[in-house]
Amino acid sequence: MNAKLTLTAVCSTVILSLVTSTSALASSGATNKVFISGPLILLFLGFCALVVVFQCIPAIIMFYGMIKGIFTAADKKTLDISRN
């Protein structure tokens, strides 16, 4: 019975804190400054996005090779066992 009261108290505390919370000071609309900074900022952010994308391509190719190697090794082990 004591555990039920504790669970009820915790739930009511969480609900009360979620209902009465306000927005953070950092999120007061300062995110729109990126778009009014000018086209050079957007060009720089686009360049950064392209760098990230181009670095993901070799990582995806390497991941594909690793997965292919794992399944190829599993097939070779299966073949060796069936020959014995």
N, C-alpha and C. Protein backbone atom coordinates (compact mmCIF):
# COMPACT_ATOMS: atom_id res chain seq x y z
N MET A 1 0.83 -1.19 0.00
CA MET A 1 0.00 0.00 0.00
C MET A 1 0.87 1.25 0.00
N ASN A 2 2.02 1.18 0.69
CA ASN A 2 2.94 2.31 0.73
C ASN A 2 3.55 2.55 -0.65
N ALA A 3 3.82 1.47 -1.39
CA ALA A 3 4.38 1.59 -2.74
C ALA A 3 3.39 2.26 -3.68
N LYS A 4 2.11 1.98 -3.49
CA LYS A 4 1.08 2.58 -4.34
C LYS A 4 1.01 4.09 -4.10
N LEU A 5 1.14 4.50 -2.84
CA LEU A 5 1.12 5.93 -2.53
C LEU A 5 2.37 6.62 -3.08
N THR A 6 3.50 5.93 -3.01
CA THR A 6 4.74 6.50 -3.54
C THR A 6 4.65 6.66 -5.06
N LEU A 7 4.11 5.64 -5.74
CA LEU A 7 3.95 5.71 -7.19
C LEU A 7 2.99 6.83 -7.57
N THR A 8 1.93 6.99 -6.83
CA THR A 8 0.98 8.06 -7.08
C THR A 8 1.62 9.42 -6.86
N ALA A 9 2.43 9.54 -5.84
CA ALA A 9 3.10 10.81 -5.58
C ALA A 9 4.10 11.15 -6.68
N VAL A 10 4.84 10.16 -7.13
CA VAL A 10 5.82 10.40 -8.21
C VAL A 10 5.11 10.78 -9.50
N CYS A 11 4.06 10.07 -9.84
CA CYS A 11 3.31 10.38 -11.07
C CYS A 11 2.70 11.77 -11.02
N SER A 12 2.13 12.13 -9.90
CA SER A 12 1.52 13.45 -9.80
C SER A 12 2.58 14.54 -9.84
N THR A 13 3.76 14.29 -9.27
CA THR A 13 4.84 15.27 -9.32
C THR A 13 5.33 15.47 -10.75
N VAL A 14 5.48 14.38 -11.48
CA VAL A 14 5.93 14.49 -12.87
C VAL A 14 4.90 15.21 -13.72
N ILE A 15 3.65 14.86 -13.57
CA ILE A 15 2.59 15.51 -14.35
C ILE A 15 2.50 16.99 -14.01
N LEU A 16 2.61 17.32 -12.74
CA LEU A 16 2.54 18.72 -12.33
C LEU A 16 3.72 19.52 -12.89
N SER A 17 4.91 18.94 -12.88
CA SER A 17 6.07 19.66 -13.40
C SER A 17 5.99 19.80 -14.92
N LEU A 18 5.42 18.82 -15.62
CA LEU A 18 5.27 18.95 -17.07
C LEU A 18 4.22 19.98 -17.44
N VAL A 19 3.17 20.05 -16.68
CA VAL A 19 2.09 21.01 -16.98
C VAL A 19 2.52 22.43 -16.70
N THR A 20 3.28 22.65 -15.65
CA THR A 20 3.63 24.02 -15.28
C THR A 20 4.95 24.49 -15.88
N SER A 21 5.60 23.67 -16.70
CA SER A 21 6.89 24.08 -17.26
C SER A 21 6.68 25.11 -18.37
N THR A 22 7.68 25.94 -18.55
CA THR A 22 7.65 26.96 -19.60
C THR A 22 8.77 26.68 -20.58
N SER A 23 8.82 27.43 -21.66
CA SER A 23 9.88 27.22 -22.64
C SER A 23 11.21 27.72 -22.08
N ALA A 24 12.27 27.13 -22.57
CA ALA A 24 13.59 27.52 -22.12
C ALA A 24 13.95 28.89 -22.67
N LEU A 25 14.83 29.58 -22.00
CA LEU A 25 15.22 30.91 -22.46
C LEU A 25 15.97 30.84 -23.77
N ALA A 26 16.69 29.77 -24.01
CA ALA A 26 17.46 29.66 -25.25
C ALA A 26 16.57 29.43 -26.46
N SER A 27 15.36 28.98 -26.27
CA SER A 27 14.48 28.71 -27.41
C SER A 27 13.44 29.80 -27.59
N SER A 28 13.82 31.02 -27.39
CA SER A 28 12.85 32.11 -27.48
C SER A 28 12.79 32.71 -28.87
N GLY A 29 13.00 31.91 -29.89
CA GLY A 29 12.88 32.42 -31.25
C GLY A 29 14.20 32.85 -31.85
N ALA A 30 15.31 32.45 -31.28
CA ALA A 30 16.61 32.85 -31.81
C ALA A 30 17.04 31.97 -32.97
N THR A 31 16.24 30.97 -33.32
CA THR A 31 16.64 30.05 -34.39
C THR A 31 16.43 30.66 -35.76
N ASN A 32 15.66 31.71 -35.88
CA ASN A 32 15.43 32.29 -37.20
C ASN A 32 16.56 33.22 -37.62
N LYS A 33 17.57 33.42 -36.80
CA LYS A 33 18.68 34.30 -37.16
C LYS A 33 19.57 33.66 -38.22
N VAL A 34 19.51 32.37 -38.39
CA VAL A 34 20.30 31.72 -39.43
C VAL A 34 19.82 32.18 -40.80
N PHE A 35 18.53 32.31 -40.97
CA PHE A 35 17.99 32.64 -42.27
C PHE A 35 18.06 34.13 -42.60
N ILE A 36 18.27 34.97 -41.61
CA ILE A 36 18.41 36.39 -41.91
C ILE A 36 19.87 36.82 -41.89
N SER A 37 20.79 35.86 -41.74
CA SER A 37 22.21 36.20 -41.70
C SER A 37 22.76 36.46 -43.08
N GLY A 38 22.17 35.92 -44.09
CA GLY A 38 22.63 36.15 -45.43
C GLY A 38 22.92 34.85 -46.16
N PRO A 39 23.13 34.98 -47.45
CA PRO A 39 23.33 33.78 -48.26
C PRO A 39 24.68 33.11 -48.01
N LEU A 40 25.68 33.84 -47.53
CA LEU A 40 26.98 33.22 -47.28
C LEU A 40 26.92 32.22 -46.14
N ILE A 41 26.13 32.51 -45.13
CA ILE A 41 25.97 31.56 -44.02
C ILE A 41 25.27 30.29 -44.50
N LEU A 42 24.24 30.46 -45.31
CA LEU A 42 23.55 29.29 -45.84
C LEU A 42 24.45 28.50 -46.78
N LEU A 43 25.28 29.17 -47.55
CA LEU A 43 26.23 28.48 -48.42
C LEU A 43 27.25 27.69 -47.60
N PHE A 44 27.73 28.28 -46.52
CA PHE A 44 28.66 27.58 -45.63
C PHE A 44 28.01 26.36 -44.99
N LEU A 45 26.78 26.51 -44.53
CA LEU A 45 26.09 25.36 -43.92
C LEU A 45 25.83 24.27 -44.95
N GLY A 46 25.52 24.66 -46.18
CA GLY A 46 25.34 23.69 -47.25
C GLY A 46 26.63 22.95 -47.56
N PHE A 47 27.75 23.68 -47.55
CA PHE A 47 29.06 23.06 -47.77
C PHE A 47 29.37 22.06 -46.66
N CYS A 48 29.07 22.43 -45.42
CA CYS A 48 29.29 21.50 -44.30
C CYS A 48 28.44 20.25 -44.45
N ALA A 49 27.21 20.41 -44.91
CA ALA A 49 26.34 19.25 -45.13
C ALA A 49 26.90 18.35 -46.23
N LEU A 50 27.44 18.96 -47.28
CA LEU A 50 28.04 18.16 -48.35
C LEU A 50 29.26 17.39 -47.87
N VAL A 51 30.06 17.99 -47.02
CA VAL A 51 31.23 17.30 -46.47
C VAL A 51 30.79 16.08 -45.67
N VAL A 52 29.75 16.24 -44.87
CA VAL A 52 29.25 15.12 -44.07
C VAL A 52 28.72 14.00 -44.98
N VAL A 53 27.99 14.38 -46.02
CA VAL A 53 27.44 13.38 -46.94
C VAL A 53 28.55 12.65 -47.67
N PHE A 54 29.54 13.39 -48.17
CA PHE A 54 30.63 12.74 -48.91
C PHE A 54 31.51 11.88 -48.01
N GLN A 55 31.56 12.14 -46.74
CA GLN A 55 32.31 11.27 -45.84
C GLN A 55 31.49 10.05 -45.43
N CYS A 56 30.18 10.11 -45.58
CA CYS A 56 29.35 8.95 -45.26
C CYS A 56 29.40 7.90 -46.38
N ILE A 57 29.67 8.32 -47.61
CA ILE A 57 29.68 7.37 -48.73
C ILE A 57 30.75 6.29 -48.55
N PRO A 58 32.03 6.62 -48.26
CA PRO A 58 33.00 5.54 -48.03
C PRO A 58 32.68 4.69 -46.80
N ALA A 59 32.08 5.29 -45.81
CA ALA A 59 31.70 4.53 -44.62
C ALA A 59 30.63 3.50 -44.96
N ILE A 60 29.68 3.87 -45.81
CA ILE A 60 28.63 2.93 -46.22
C ILE A 60 29.24 1.81 -47.06
N ILE A 61 30.17 2.16 -47.95
CA ILE A 61 30.83 1.14 -48.77
C ILE A 61 31.62 0.17 -47.89
N MET A 62 32.33 0.69 -46.90
CA MET A 62 33.09 -0.18 -46.00
C MET A 62 32.15 -1.07 -45.18
N PHE A 63 31.05 -0.52 -44.72
CA PHE A 63 30.07 -1.30 -43.96
C PHE A 63 29.51 -2.43 -44.83
N TYR A 64 29.23 -2.14 -46.09
CA TYR A 64 28.73 -3.16 -47.01
C TYR A 64 29.77 -4.27 -47.18
N GLY A 65 31.04 -3.88 -47.31
CA GLY A 65 32.10 -4.87 -47.45
C GLY A 65 32.25 -5.74 -46.21
N MET A 66 32.10 -5.14 -45.03
CA MET A 66 32.20 -5.91 -43.79
C MET A 66 31.06 -6.91 -43.69
N ILE A 67 29.85 -6.47 -44.00
CA ILE A 67 28.69 -7.37 -43.94
C ILE A 67 28.85 -8.50 -44.96
N LYS A 68 29.31 -8.14 -46.16
CA LYS A 68 29.52 -9.15 -47.19
C LYS A 68 30.59 -10.14 -46.76
N GLY A 69 31.65 -9.67 -46.13
CA GLY A 69 32.71 -10.55 -45.63
C GLY A 69 32.22 -11.48 -44.53
N ILE A 70 31.37 -10.98 -43.67
CA ILE A 70 30.84 -11.82 -42.59
C ILE A 70 30.01 -12.97 -43.16
N PHE A 71 29.14 -12.65 -44.12
CA PHE A 71 28.29 -13.69 -44.68
C PHE A 71 29.06 -14.62 -45.60
N THR A 72 30.10 -14.13 -46.26
CA THR A 72 30.93 -14.99 -47.09
C THR A 72 31.70 -15.98 -46.22
N ALA A 73 32.23 -15.49 -45.08
CA ALA A 73 32.94 -16.38 -44.16
C ALA A 73 31.99 -17.42 -43.58
N ALA A 74 30.77 -17.03 -43.32
CA ALA A 74 29.79 -17.99 -42.79
C ALA A 74 29.46 -19.04 -43.84
N ASP A 75 29.41 -18.66 -45.12
CA ASP A 75 29.14 -19.64 -46.18
C ASP A 75 30.31 -20.61 -46.33
N LYS A 76 31.54 -20.12 -46.21
CA LYS A 76 32.71 -21.01 -46.32
C LYS A 76 32.75 -22.01 -45.18
N LYS A 77 32.40 -21.58 -43.97
CA LYS A 77 32.37 -22.51 -42.84
C LYS A 77 31.31 -23.57 -43.05
N THR A 78 30.19 -23.18 -43.62
CA THR A 78 29.12 -24.14 -43.87
C THR A 78 29.57 -25.15 -44.91
N LEU A 79 30.27 -24.72 -45.94
CA LEU A 79 30.75 -25.63 -46.97
C LEU A 79 31.80 -26.59 -46.41
N ASP A 80 32.71 -26.11 -45.57
CA ASP A 80 33.73 -26.98 -44.99
C ASP A 80 33.13 -28.05 -44.09
N ILE A 81 32.12 -27.71 -43.37
CA ILE A 81 31.48 -28.68 -42.48
C ILE A 81 30.74 -29.73 -43.29
N SER A 82 30.13 -29.35 -44.39
CA SER A 82 29.36 -30.32 -45.18
C SER A 82 30.28 -31.28 -45.92
N ARG A 83 31.53 -30.90 -46.21
CA ARG A 83 32.45 -31.79 -46.89
C ARG A 83 32.98 -32.88 -45.96
N ASN A 84 33.06 -32.61 -44.69
CA ASN A 84 33.58 -33.61 -43.75
C ASN A 84 32.50 -34.62 -43.57
